[in-house]
Structure formats: C-alpha cells, structure tokens
Amino acid sequence: MSENKMLVDLQKDVDLYINQFKEGYFPPMEMLARLTEELGELSREIQHKYGTKKKKNTEVDKELAEEMGDFFFVLICLANAEGIDLQESLQKVLNKYNTRDKDRWTKKED
C-alpha cells in the first residue's frame, strides 16, 4: 500500500468498505467508544515504548503505525457518518494554527 492518497480518497475508500455491509456505520456514541478504545491501545503502545510502564511478558507488542491506523480508520468512520470532510477540517485547523498561534513557539533559524 505505497499509494499516497488524499484524505477525501481515504474517506471514500472507508465508505466503500463500510457500505458493503447491511449494518453500515455504527451510531455516533458507539464509534466514539471505539475511538476511545483505539486511543487507549495507542496510548498503551506509546507507554510501553517510551514510558515507565512496560508491558507484561504475556502482552503482545504491536506497532505504533498499526495502532495509529486503527485509530484513524475509526476517526474516518465517524467523520463519514457525520458528513464531515476531514481534508477541509484539517485545512481549517492548519489555518488557525498559522494565524492564531503563529508566534506561540520559537521558530527555527534558517
């Protein structure tokens, strides 16, 4: 999967996947619960890799990329179900950071 896609294309891919099933998208509160679950799993991996709380020998190591992918998939599902264009949303946030927070942090010297 080396193809680089725009967010709009990723949202379409997820929509095609979900809509092949009769159940379709879960209700928003269930997706929020799933998103929270995936964030917890990502947090556990980061804690294991960088924090002080390491996993038990019986716990399986997972890749951060896989956990981020799981989180992102559910986030896209939630956005799709709510009719939110993530590319547009992210662009608005980037514009906000580039204006409101432009002098908030120390910039690197060229």
PDB file of N, CA and C in Angstrom:
ATOM      1  N   MET A   1       0.832  -1.183   0.000  1.00  0.00           N
ATOM      2  CA  MET A   1       0.000   0.000   0.000  1.00  0.00           C
ATOM      3  C   MET A   1       0.877   1.247   0.000  1.00  0.00           C
ATOM      4  N   SER A   2       1.624   1.420  -1.066  1.00  0.00           N
ATOM      5  CA  SER A   2       2.543   2.542  -1.159  1.00  0.00           C
ATOM      6  C   SER A   2       1.919   3.755  -1.841  1.00  0.00           C
ATOM      7  N   GLU A   3       0.672   3.623  -2.268  1.00  0.00           N
ATOM      8  CA  GLU A   3      -0.012   4.717  -2.946  1.00  0.00           C
ATOM      9  C   GLU A   3      -0.366   5.818  -1.954  1.00  0.00           C
ATOM     10  N   ASN A   4       0.022   7.052  -2.286  1.00  0.00           N
ATOM     11  CA  ASN A   4      -0.346   8.184  -1.443  1.00  0.00           C
ATOM     12  C   ASN A   4      -1.694   8.712  -1.905  1.00  0.00           C
ATOM     13  N   LYS A   5      -2.628   8.814  -0.980  1.00  0.00           N
ATOM     14  CA  LYS A   5      -3.969   9.273  -1.313  1.00  0.00           C
ATOM     15  C   LYS A   5      -4.295  10.521  -0.522  1.00  0.00           C
ATOM     16  N   MET A   6      -5.183  11.304  -1.079  1.00  0.00           N
ATOM     17  CA  MET A   6      -5.714  12.466  -0.376  1.00  0.00           C
ATOM     18  C   MET A   6      -6.699  11.967   0.672  1.00  0.00           C
ATOM     19  N   LEU A   7      -6.952  12.799   1.678  1.00  0.00           N
ATOM     20  CA  LEU A   7      -7.919  12.418   2.709  1.00  0.00           C
ATOM     21  C   LEU A   7      -9.289  12.110   2.115  1.00  0.00           C
ATOM     22  N   VAL A   8      -9.704  12.883   1.130  1.00  0.00           N
ATOM     23  CA  VAL A   8     -11.010  12.658   0.508  1.00  0.00           C
ATOM     24  C   VAL A   8     -11.076  11.253  -0.103  1.00  0.00           C
ATOM     25  N   ASP A   9      -9.979  10.801  -0.674  1.00  0.00           N
ATOM     26  CA  ASP A   9      -9.932   9.456  -1.262  1.00  0.00           C
ATOM     27  C   ASP A   9      -9.965   8.385  -0.178  1.00  0.00           C
ATOM     28  N   LEU A  10      -9.266   8.632   0.920  1.00  0.00           N
ATOM     29  CA  LEU A  10      -9.297   7.687   2.039  1.00  0.00           C
ATOM     30  C   LEU A  10     -10.707   7.593   2.623  1.00  0.00           C
ATOM     31  N   GLN A  11     -11.374   8.724   2.724  1.00  0.00           N
ATOM     32  CA  GLN A  11     -12.749   8.716   3.226  1.00  0.00           C
ATOM     33  C   GLN A  11     -13.652   7.920   2.284  1.00  0.00           C
ATOM     34  N   LYS A  12     -13.437   8.053   0.974  1.00  0.00           N
ATOM     35  CA  LYS A  12     -14.230   7.282   0.011  1.00  0.00           C
ATOM     36  C   LYS A  12     -13.941   5.791   0.139  1.00  0.00           C
ATOM     37  N   ASP A  13     -12.671   5.428   0.314  1.00  0.00           N
ATOM     38  CA  ASP A  13     -12.302   4.017   0.474  1.00  0.00           C
ATOM     39  C   ASP A  13     -12.984   3.403   1.697  1.00  0.00           C
ATOM     40  N   VAL A  14     -12.946   4.124   2.802  1.00  0.00           N
ATOM     41  CA  VAL A  14     -13.580   3.629   4.027  1.00  0.00           C
ATOM     42  C   VAL A  14     -15.084   3.525   3.822  1.00  0.00           C
ATOM     43  N   ASP A  15     -15.662   4.513   3.154  1.00  0.00           N
ATOM     44  CA  ASP A  15     -17.104   4.497   2.902  1.00  0.00           C
ATOM     45  C   ASP A  15     -17.495   3.288   2.046  1.00  0.00           C
ATOM     46  N   LEU A  16     -16.712   2.992   1.013  1.00  0.00           N
ATOM     47  CA  LEU A  16     -16.978   1.815   0.179  1.00  0.00           C
ATOM     48  C   LEU A  16     -16.892   0.537   1.004  1.00  0.00           C
ATOM     49  N   TYR A  17     -15.901   0.466   1.881  1.00  0.00           N
ATOM     50  CA  TYR A  17     -15.746  -0.715   2.730  1.00  0.00           C
ATOM     51  C   TYR A  17     -16.955  -0.877   3.654  1.00  0.00           C
ATOM     52  N   ILE A  18     -17.309   0.174   4.373  1.00  0.00           N
ATOM     53  CA  ILE A  18     -18.399   0.104   5.348  1.00  0.00           C
ATOM     54  C   ILE A  18     -19.741  -0.173   4.674  1.00  0.00           C
ATOM     55  N   ASN A  19     -19.981   0.442   3.535  1.00  0.00           N
ATOM     56  CA  ASN A  19     -21.283   0.323   2.881  1.00  0.00           C
ATOM     57  C   ASN A  19     -21.516  -1.008   2.177  1.00  0.00           C
ATOM     58  N   GLN A  20     -20.536  -1.895   2.193  1.00  0.00           N
ATOM     59  CA  GLN A  20     -20.779  -3.228   1.651  1.00  0.00           C
ATOM     60  C   GLN A  20     -21.518  -4.113   2.654  1.00  0.00           C
ATOM     61  N   PHE A  21     -21.668  -3.608   3.889  1.00  0.00           N
ATOM     62  CA  PHE A  21     -22.334  -4.363   4.941  1.00  0.00           C
ATOM     63  C   PHE A  21     -23.687  -3.750   5.262  1.00  0.00           C
ATOM     64  N   LYS A  22     -24.672  -4.586   5.548  1.00  0.00           N
ATOM     65  CA  LYS A  22     -26.019  -4.111   5.878  1.00  0.00           C
ATOM     66  C   LYS A  22     -26.011  -3.198   7.098  1.00  0.00           C
ATOM     67  N   GLU A  23     -25.137  -3.481   8.052  1.00  0.00           N
ATOM     68  CA  GLU A  23     -25.112  -2.704   9.289  1.00  0.00           C
ATOM     69  C   GLU A  23     -24.657  -1.260   9.067  1.00  0.00           C
ATOM     70  N   GLY A  24     -23.810  -1.045   8.087  1.00  0.00           N
ATOM     71  CA  GLY A  24     -23.301   0.302   7.817  1.00  0.00           C
ATOM     72  C   GLY A  24     -22.504   0.850   8.990  1.00  0.00           C
ATOM     73  N   TYR A  25     -22.540   2.157   9.119  1.00  0.00           N
ATOM     74  CA  TYR A  25     -21.794   2.808  10.202  1.00  0.00           C
ATOM     75  C   TYR A  25     -22.500   2.578  11.533  1.00  0.00           C
ATOM     76  N   PHE A  26     -21.705   2.440  12.589  1.00  0.00           N
ATOM     77  CA  PHE A  26     -22.263   2.346  13.935  1.00  0.00           C
ATOM     78  C   PHE A  26     -22.815   3.709  14.335  1.00  0.00           C
ATOM     79  N   PRO A  27     -23.706   3.754  15.308  1.00  0.00           N
ATOM     80  CA  PRO A  27     -24.179   5.044  15.819  1.00  0.00           C
ATOM     81  C   PRO A  27     -23.003   5.839  16.413  1.00  0.00           C
ATOM     82  N   PRO A  28     -23.120   7.167  16.432  1.00  0.00           N
ATOM     83  CA  PRO A  28     -22.007   8.015  16.885  1.00  0.00           C
ATOM     84  C   PRO A  28     -21.443   7.650  18.259  1.00  0.00           C
ATOM     85  N   MET A  29     -22.284   7.337  19.215  1.00  0.00           N
ATOM     86  CA  MET A  29     -21.757   7.017  20.548  1.00  0.00           C
ATOM     87  C   MET A  29     -20.959   5.718  20.549  1.00  0.00           C
ATOM     88  N   GLU A  30     -21.351   4.755  19.722  1.00  0.00           N
ATOM     89  CA  GLU A  30     -20.580   3.514  19.615  1.00  0.00           C
ATOM     90  C   GLU A  30     -19.241   3.778  18.939  1.00  0.00           C
ATOM     91  N   MET A  31     -19.254   4.647  17.922  1.00  0.00           N
ATOM     92  CA  MET A  31     -17.986   4.978  17.259  1.00  0.00           C
ATOM     93  C   MET A  31     -17.074   5.755  18.195  1.00  0.00           C
ATOM     94  N   LEU A  32     -17.646   6.612  19.015  1.00  0.00           N
ATOM     95  CA  LEU A  32     -16.838   7.332  19.997  1.00  0.00           C
ATOM     96  C   LEU A  32     -16.210   6.357  20.987  1.00  0.00           C
ATOM     97  N   ALA A  33     -16.978   5.366  21.398  1.00  0.00           N
ATOM     98  CA  ALA A  33     -16.435   4.337  22.295  1.00  0.00           C
ATOM     99  C   ALA A  33     -15.300   3.573  21.609  1.00  0.00           C
ATOM    100  N   ARG A  34     -15.489   3.240  20.326  1.00  0.00           N
ATOM    101  CA  ARG A  34     -14.441   2.550  19.576  1.00  0.00           C
ATOM    102  C   ARG A  34     -13.207   3.431  19.416  1.00  0.00           C
ATOM    103  N   LEU A  35     -13.415   4.719  19.161  1.00  0.00           N
ATOM    104  CA  LEU A  35     -12.311   5.653  19.019  1.00  0.00           C
ATOM    105  C   LEU A  35     -11.522   5.749  20.319  1.00  0.00           C
ATOM    106  N   THR A  36     -12.253   5.795  21.419  1.00  0.00           N
ATOM    107  CA  THR A  36     -11.623   5.840  22.737  1.00  0.00           C
ATOM    108  C   THR A  36     -10.829   4.563  23.000  1.00  0.00           C
ATOM    109  N   GLU A  37     -11.397   3.430  22.619  1.00  0.00           N
ATOM    110  CA  GLU A  37     -10.708   2.145  22.772  1.00  0.00           C
ATOM    111  C   GLU A  37      -9.418   2.125  21.973  1.00  0.00           C
ATOM    112  N   GLU A  38      -9.496   2.581  20.727  1.00  0.00           N
ATOM    113  CA  GLU A  38      -8.296   2.590  19.877  1.00  0.00           C
ATOM    114  C   GLU A  38      -7.245   3.562  20.410  1.00  0.00           C
ATOM    115  N   LEU A  39      -7.684   4.692  20.941  1.00  0.00           N
ATOM    116  CA  LEU A  39      -6.743   5.639  21.544  1.00  0.00           C
ATOM    117  C   LEU A  39      -6.060   5.016  22.760  1.00  0.00           C
ATOM    118  N   GLY A  40      -6.823   4.252  23.527  1.00  0.00           N
ATOM    119  CA  GLY A  40      -6.242   3.550  24.677  1.00  0.00           C
ATOM    120  C   GLY A  40      -5.175   2.559  24.245  1.00  0.00           C
ATOM    121  N   GLU A  41      -5.438   1.838  23.163  1.00  0.00           N
ATOM    122  CA  GLU A  41      -4.453   0.872  22.667  1.00  0.00           C
ATOM    123  C   GLU A  41      -3.202   1.586  22.154  1.00  0.00           C
ATOM    124  N   LEU A  42      -3.390   2.713  21.485  1.00  0.00           N
ATOM    125  CA  LEU A  42      -2.248   3.510  21.030  1.00  0.00           C
ATOM    126  C   LEU A  42      -1.468   4.039  22.228  1.00  0.00           C
ATOM    127  N   SER A  43      -2.190   4.517  23.217  1.00  0.00           N
ATOM    128  CA  SER A  43      -1.545   5.030  24.439  1.00  0.00           C
ATOM    129  C   SER A  43      -0.730   3.942  25.128  1.00  0.00           C
ATOM    130  N   ARG A  44      -1.275   2.738  25.158  1.00  0.00           N
ATOM    131  CA  ARG A  44      -0.568   1.615  25.793  1.00  0.00           C
ATOM    132  C   ARG A  44       0.743   1.331  25.071  1.00  0.00           C
ATOM    133  N   GLU A  45       0.733   1.376  23.753  1.00  0.00           N
ATOM    134  CA  GLU A  45       1.956   1.120  22.983  1.00  0.00           C
ATOM    135  C   GLU A  45       2.993   2.216  23.207  1.00  0.00           C
ATOM    136  N   ILE A  46       2.554   3.461  23.252  1.00  0.00           N
ATOM    137  CA  ILE A  46       3.484   4.568  23.491  1.00  0.00           C
ATOM    138  C   ILE A  46       4.053   4.479  24.910  1.00  0.00           C
ATOM    139  N   GLN A  47       3.205   4.147  25.858  1.00  0.00           N
ATOM    140  CA  GLN A  47       3.661   3.988  27.246  1.00  0.00           C
ATOM    141  C   GLN A  47       4.704   2.874  27.336  1.00  0.00           C
ATOM    142  N   HIS A  48       4.456   1.780  26.631  1.00  0.00           N
ATOM    143  CA  HIS A  48       5.397   0.657  26.646  1.00  0.00           C
ATOM    144  C   HIS A  48       6.729   1.046  26.004  1.00  0.00           C
ATOM    145  N   LYS A  49       6.630   1.749  24.878  1.00  0.00           N
ATOM    146  CA  LYS A  49       7.847   2.087  24.125  1.00  0.00           C
ATOM    147  C   LYS A  49       8.649   3.217  24.769  1.00  0.00           C
ATOM    148  N   TYR A  50       7.952   4.239  25.285  1.00  0.00           N
ATOM    149  CA  TYR A  50       8.650   5.435  25.762  1.00  0.00           C
ATOM    150  C   TYR A  50       8.467   5.717  27.250  1.00  0.00           C
ATOM    151  N   GLY A  51       7.473   5.120  27.852  1.00  0.00           N
ATOM    152  CA  GLY A  51       7.156   5.438  29.235  1.00  0.00           C
ATOM    153  C   GLY A  51       7.800   4.475  30.221  1.00  0.00           C
ATOM    154  N   THR A  52       7.367   4.588  31.440  1.00  0.00           N
ATOM    155  CA  THR A  52       7.925   3.758  32.505  1.00  0.00           C
ATOM    156  C   THR A  52       7.126   2.479  32.729  1.00  0.00           C
ATOM    157  N   LYS A  53       5.899   2.435  32.225  1.00  0.00           N
ATOM    158  CA  LYS A  53       5.053   1.261  32.440  1.00  0.00           C
ATOM    159  C   LYS A  53       5.171   0.317  31.248  1.00  0.00           C
ATOM    160  N   LYS A  54       6.036  -0.671  31.393  1.00  0.00           N
ATOM    161  CA  LYS A  54       6.268  -1.630  30.319  1.00  0.00           C
ATOM    162  C   LYS A  54       5.199  -2.719  30.359  1.00  0.00           C
ATOM    163  N   LYS A  55       5.051  -3.401  29.240  1.00  0.00           N
ATOM    164  CA  LYS A  55       4.073  -4.480  29.147  1.00  0.00           C
ATOM    165  C   LYS A  55       4.546  -5.707  29.919  1.00  0.00           C
ATOM    166  N   LYS A  56       3.567  -6.531  30.276  1.00  0.00           N
ATOM    167  CA  LYS A  56       3.876  -7.822  30.887  1.00  0.00           C
ATOM    168  C   LYS A  56       4.363  -8.749  29.777  1.00  0.00           C
ATOM    169  N   ASN A  57       5.041  -9.802  30.176  1.00  0.00           N
ATOM    170  CA  ASN A  57       5.547 -10.769  29.196  1.00  0.00           C
ATOM    171  C   ASN A  57       4.411 -11.412  28.399  1.00  0.00           C
ATOM    172  N   THR A  58       3.231 -11.458  28.974  1.00  0.00           N
ATOM    173  CA  THR A  58       2.088 -12.092  28.321  1.00  0.00           C
ATOM    174  C   THR A  58       1.388 -11.169  27.326  1.00  0.00           C
ATOM    175  N   GLU A  59       1.712  -9.871  27.342  1.00  0.00           N
ATOM    176  CA  GLU A  59       1.077  -8.910  26.431  1.00  0.00           C
ATOM    177  C   GLU A  59       1.830  -8.862  25.102  1.00  0.00           C
ATOM    178  N   VAL A  60       1.073  -8.795  24.031  1.00  0.00           N
ATOM    179  CA  VAL A  60       1.647  -8.769  22.680  1.00  0.00           C
ATOM    180  C   VAL A  60       2.097  -7.354  22.334  1.00  0.00           C
ATOM    181  N   ASP A  61       3.305  -7.260  21.757  1.00  0.00           N
ATOM    182  CA  ASP A  61       3.774  -5.972  21.241  1.00  0.00           C
ATOM    183  C   ASP A  61       3.080  -5.694  19.918  1.00  0.00           C
ATOM    184  N   LYS A  62       2.648  -4.474  19.736  1.00  0.00           N
ATOM    185  CA  LYS A  62       2.045  -4.057  18.477  1.00  0.00           C
ATOM    186  C   LYS A  62       2.820  -2.861  17.961  1.00  0.00           C
ATOM    187  N   GLU A  63       2.698  -2.608  16.694  1.00  0.00           N
ATOM    188  CA  GLU A  63       3.372  -1.478  16.072  1.00  0.00           C
ATOM    189  C   GLU A  63       2.568  -0.199  16.297  1.00  0.00           C
ATOM    190  N   LEU A  64       3.268   0.902  16.557  1.00  0.00           N
ATOM    191  CA  LEU A  64       2.596   2.188  16.692  1.00  0.00           C
ATOM    192  C   LEU A  64       1.827   2.524  15.416  1.00  0.00           C
ATOM    193  N   ALA A  65       2.413   2.226  14.268  1.00  0.00           N
ATOM    194  CA  ALA A  65       1.760   2.529  12.994  1.00  0.00           C
ATOM    195  C   ALA A  65       0.428   1.792  12.872  1.00  0.00           C
ATOM    196  N   GLU A  66       0.385   0.539  13.306  1.00  0.00           N
ATOM    197  CA  GLU A  66      -0.858  -0.231  13.244  1.00  0.00           C
ATOM    198  C   GLU A  66      -1.918   0.376  14.152  1.00  0.00           C
ATOM    199  N   GLU A  67      -1.504   0.753  15.358  1.00  0.00           N
ATOM    200  CA  GLU A  67      -2.453   1.345  16.297  1.00  0.00           C
ATOM    201  C   GLU A  67      -2.946   2.705  15.802  1.00  0.00           C
ATOM    202  N   MET A  68      -2.054   3.495  15.190  1.00  0.00           N
ATOM    203  CA  MET A  68      -2.479   4.771  14.614  1.00  0.00           C
ATOM    204  C   MET A  68      -3.439   4.535  13.458  1.00  0.00           C
ATOM    205  N   GLY A  69      -3.170   3.515  12.659  1.00  0.00           N
ATOM    206  CA  GLY A  69      -4.055   3.175  11.555  1.00  0.00           C
ATOM    207  C   GLY A  69      -5.444   2.786  12.040  1.00  0.00           C
ATOM    208  N   ASP A  70      -5.503   1.984  13.099  1.00  0.00           N
ATOM    209  CA  ASP A  70      -6.798   1.606  13.689  1.00  0.00           C
ATOM    210  C   ASP A  70      -7.561   2.835  14.161  1.00  0.00           C
ATOM    211  N   PHE A  71      -6.853   3.725  14.851  1.00  0.00           N
ATOM    212  CA  PHE A  71      -7.481   4.957  15.356  1.00  0.00           C
ATOM    213  C   PHE A  71      -7.992   5.805  14.195  1.00  0.00           C
ATOM    214  N   PHE A  72      -7.161   5.957  13.179  1.00  0.00           N
ATOM    215  CA  PHE A  72      -7.506   6.791  12.031  1.00  0.00           C
ATOM    216  C   PHE A  72      -8.702   6.225  11.265  1.00  0.00           C
ATOM    217  N   PHE A  73      -8.766   4.898  11.139  1.00  0.00           N
ATOM    218  CA  PHE A  73      -9.894   4.256  10.468  1.00  0.00           C
ATOM    219  C   PHE A  73     -11.207   4.593  11.175  1.00  0.00           C
ATOM    220  N   VAL A  74     -11.227   4.468  12.479  1.00  0.00           N
ATOM    221  CA  VAL A  74     -12.456   4.761  13.229  1.00  0.00           C
ATOM    222  C   VAL A  74     -12.766   6.255  13.164  1.00  0.00           C
ATOM    223  N   LEU A  75     -11.749   7.114  13.200  1.00  0.00           N
ATOM    224  CA  LEU A  75     -11.970   8.553  13.063  1.00  0.00           C
ATOM    225  C   LEU A  75     -12.602   8.869  11.705  1.00  0.00           C
ATOM    226  N   ILE A  76     -12.113   8.224  10.654  1.00  0.00           N
ATOM    227  CA  ILE A  76     -12.694   8.420   9.328  1.00  0.00           C
ATOM    228  C   ILE A  76     -14.137   7.924   9.299  1.00  0.00           C
ATOM    229  N   CYS A  77     -14.399   6.790   9.936  1.00  0.00           N
ATOM    230  CA  CYS A  77     -15.776   6.287  10.007  1.00  0.00           C
ATOM    231  C   CYS A  77     -16.689   7.314  10.663  1.00  0.00           C
ATOM    232  N   LEU A  78     -16.253   7.883  11.764  1.00  0.00           N
ATOM    233  CA  LEU A  78     -17.057   8.874  12.473  1.00  0.00           C
ATOM    234  C   LEU A  78     -17.275  10.110  11.595  1.00  0.00           C
ATOM    235  N   ALA A  79     -16.226  10.564  10.941  1.00  0.00           N
ATOM    236  CA  ALA A  79     -16.349  11.725  10.054  1.00  0.00           C
ATOM    237  C   ALA A  79     -17.323  11.435   8.911  1.00  0.00           C
ATOM    238  N   ASN A  80     -17.192  10.279   8.297  1.00  0.00           N
ATOM    239  CA  ASN A  80     -18.084   9.914   7.198  1.00  0.00           C
ATOM    240  C   ASN A  80     -19.536   9.870   7.657  1.00  0.00           C
ATOM    241  N   ALA A  81     -19.768   9.229   8.788  1.00  0.00           N
ATOM    242  CA  ALA A  81     -21.135   9.102   9.290  1.00  0.00           C
ATOM    243  C   ALA A  81     -21.755  10.462   9.590  1.00  0.00           C
ATOM    244  N   GLU A  82     -20.915  11.424   9.949  1.00  0.00           N
ATOM    245  CA  GLU A  82     -21.392  12.768  10.285  1.00  0.00           C
ATOM    246  C   GLU A  82     -21.309  13.734   9.102  1.00  0.00           C
ATOM    247  N   GLY A  83     -20.856  13.232   7.947  1.00  0.00           N
ATOM    248  CA  GLY A  83     -20.769  14.082   6.756  1.00  0.00           C
ATOM    249  C   GLY A  83     -19.682  15.138   6.843  1.00  0.00           C
ATOM    250  N   ILE A  84     -18.604  14.820   7.524  1.00  0.00           N
ATOM    251  CA  ILE A  84     -17.504  15.778   7.717  1.00  0.00           C
ATOM    252  C   ILE A  84     -16.381  15.471   6.735  1.00  0.00           C
ATOM    253  N   ASP A  85     -15.945  16.483   6.016  1.00  0.00           N
ATOM    254  CA  ASP A  85     -14.811  16.388   5.103  1.00  0.00           C
ATOM    255  C   ASP A  85     -13.546  16.636   5.929  1.00  0.00           C
ATOM    256  N   LEU A  86     -12.792  15.578   6.194  1.00  0.00           N
ATOM    257  CA  LEU A  86     -11.608  15.709   7.051  1.00  0.00           C
ATOM    258  C   LEU A  86     -10.532  16.585   6.430  1.00  0.00           C
ATOM    259  N   GLN A  87     -10.410  16.571   5.119  1.00  0.00           N
ATOM    260  CA  GLN A  87      -9.408  17.414   4.473  1.00  0.00           C
ATOM    261  C   GLN A  87      -9.728  18.887   4.723  1.00  0.00           C
ATOM    262  N   GLU A  88     -10.983  19.243   4.562  1.00  0.00           N
ATOM    263  CA  GLU A  88     -11.421  20.618   4.823  1.00  0.00           C
ATOM    264  C   GLU A  88     -11.241  20.968   6.298  1.00  0.00           C
ATOM    265  N   SER A  89     -11.596  20.040   7.176  1.00  0.00           N
ATOM    266  CA  SER A  89     -11.457  20.286   8.621  1.00  0.00           C
ATOM    267  C   SER A  89     -10.003  20.495   9.015  1.00  0.00           C
ATOM    268  N   LEU A  90      -9.127  19.658   8.477  1.00  0.00           N
ATOM    269  CA  LEU A  90      -7.703  19.780   8.798  1.00  0.00           C
ATOM    270  C   LEU A  90      -7.138  21.078   8.246  1.00  0.00           C
ATOM    271  N   GLN A  91      -7.556  21.472   7.055  1.00  0.00           N
ATOM    272  CA  GLN A  91      -7.079  22.730   6.472  1.00  0.00           C
ATOM    273  C   GLN A  91      -7.489  23.914   7.336  1.00  0.00           C
ATOM    274  N   LYS A  92      -8.718  23.884   7.859  1.00  0.00           N
ATOM    275  CA  LYS A  92      -9.181  24.954   8.747  1.00  0.00           C
ATOM    276  C   LYS A  92      -8.331  25.010  10.018  1.00  0.00           C
ATOM    277  N   VAL A  93      -8.005  23.853  10.552  1.00  0.00           N
ATOM    278  CA  VAL A  93      -7.183  23.812  11.768  1.00  0.00           C
ATOM    279  C   VAL A  93      -5.778  24.332  11.478  1.00  0.00           C
ATOM    280  N   LEU A  94      -5.204  23.922  10.341  1.00  0.00           N
ATOM    281  CA  LEU A  94      -3.867  24.413   9.979  1.00  0.00           C
ATOM    282  C   LEU A  94      -3.870  25.929   9.790  1.00  0.00           C
ATOM    283  N   ASN A  95      -4.913  26.449   9.169  1.00  0.00           N
ATOM    284  CA  ASN A  95      -5.029  27.901   9.011  1.00  0.00           C
ATOM    285  C   ASN A  95      -5.113  28.591  10.368  1.00  0.00           C
ATOM    286  N   LYS A  96      -5.838  27.982  11.289  1.00  0.00           N
ATOM    287  CA  LYS A  96      -5.959  28.538  12.639  1.00  0.00           C
ATOM    288  C   LYS A  96      -4.584  28.577  13.323  1.00  0.00           C
ATOM    289  N   TYR A  97      -3.843  27.489  13.214  1.00  0.00           N
ATOM    290  CA  TYR A  97      -2.516  27.455  13.836  1.00  0.00           C
ATOM    291  C   TYR A  97      -1.565  28.451  13.176  1.00  0.00           C
ATOM    292  N   ASN A  98      -1.683  28.596  11.867  1.00  0.00           N
ATOM    293  CA  ASN A  98      -0.799  29.512  11.142  1.00  0.00           C
ATOM    294  C   ASN A  98      -1.139  30.980  11.364  1.00  0.00           C
ATOM    295  N   THR A  99      -2.301  31.267  11.911  1.00  0.00           N
ATOM    296  CA  THR A  99      -2.664  32.657  12.193  1.00  0.00           C
ATOM    297  C   THR A  99      -2.672  32.900  13.702  1.00  0.00           C
ATOM    298  N   ARG A 100      -3.554  32.265  14.403  1.00  0.00           N
ATOM    299  CA  ARG A 100      -3.703  32.498  15.842  1.00  0.00           C
ATOM    300  C   ARG A 100      -2.433  32.163  16.615  1.00  0.00           C
ATOM    301  N   ASP A 101      -1.781  31.067  16.257  1.00  0.00           N
ATOM    302  CA  ASP A 101      -0.634  30.577  17.027  1.00  0.00           C
ATOM    303  C   ASP A 101       0.702  30.791  16.325  1.00  0.00           C
ATOM    304  N   LYS A 102       0.739  31.702  15.334  1.00  0.00           N
ATOM    305  CA  LYS A 102       1.958  31.851  14.531  1.00  0.00           C
ATOM    306  C   LYS A 102       3.169  32.292  15.347  1.00  0.00           C
ATOM    307  N   ASP A 103       2.974  33.005  16.431  1.00  0.00           N
ATOM    308  CA  ASP A 103       4.095  33.465  17.250  1.00  0.00           C
ATOM    309  C   ASP A 103       4.148  32.767  18.612  1.00  0.00           C
ATOM    310  N   ARG A 104       3.439  31.689  18.735  1.00  0.00           N
ATOM    311  CA  ARG A 104       3.338  30.999  20.031  1.00  0.00           C
ATOM    312  C   ARG A 104       4.624  30.264  20.413  1.00  0.00           C
ATOM    313  N   TRP A 105       5.300  29.680  19.417  1.00  0.00           N
ATOM    314  CA  TRP A 105       6.503  28.912  19.698  1.00  0.00           C
ATOM    315  C   TRP A 105       7.698  29.543  18.997  1.00  0.00           C
ATOM    316  N   THR A 106       8.875  29.176  19.445  1.00  0.00           N
ATOM    317  CA  THR A 106      10.104  29.720  18.881  1.00  0.00           C
ATOM    318  C   THR A 106      10.412  29.035  17.558  1.00  0.00           C
ATOM    319  N   LYS A 107      10.516  29.848  16.504  1.00  0.00           N
ATOM    320  CA  LYS A 107      10.796  29.293  15.179  1.00  0.00           C
ATOM    321  C   LYS A 107      12.264  28.969  15.030  1.00  0.00           C
ATOM    322  N   LYS A 108      12.548  27.956  14.225  1.00  0.00           N
ATOM    323  CA  LYS A 108      13.927  27.579  13.937  1.00  0.00           C
ATOM    324  C   LYS A 108      14.567  28.632  13.061  1.00  0.00           C
ATOM    325  N   GLU A 109      15.854  28.808  13.212  1.00  0.00           N
ATOM    326  CA  GLU A 109      16.634  29.727  12.371  1.00  0.00           C
ATOM    327  C   GLU A 109      16.844  29.053  11.025  1.00  0.00           C
ATOM    328  N   ASP A 110      16.844  29.840   9.949  1.00  0.00           N
ATOM    329  CA  ASP A 110      17.097  29.282   8.608  1.00  0.00           C
ATOM    330  C   ASP A 110      18.519  28.938   8.382  1.00  0.00           C
TER     331      ASP A 110
END
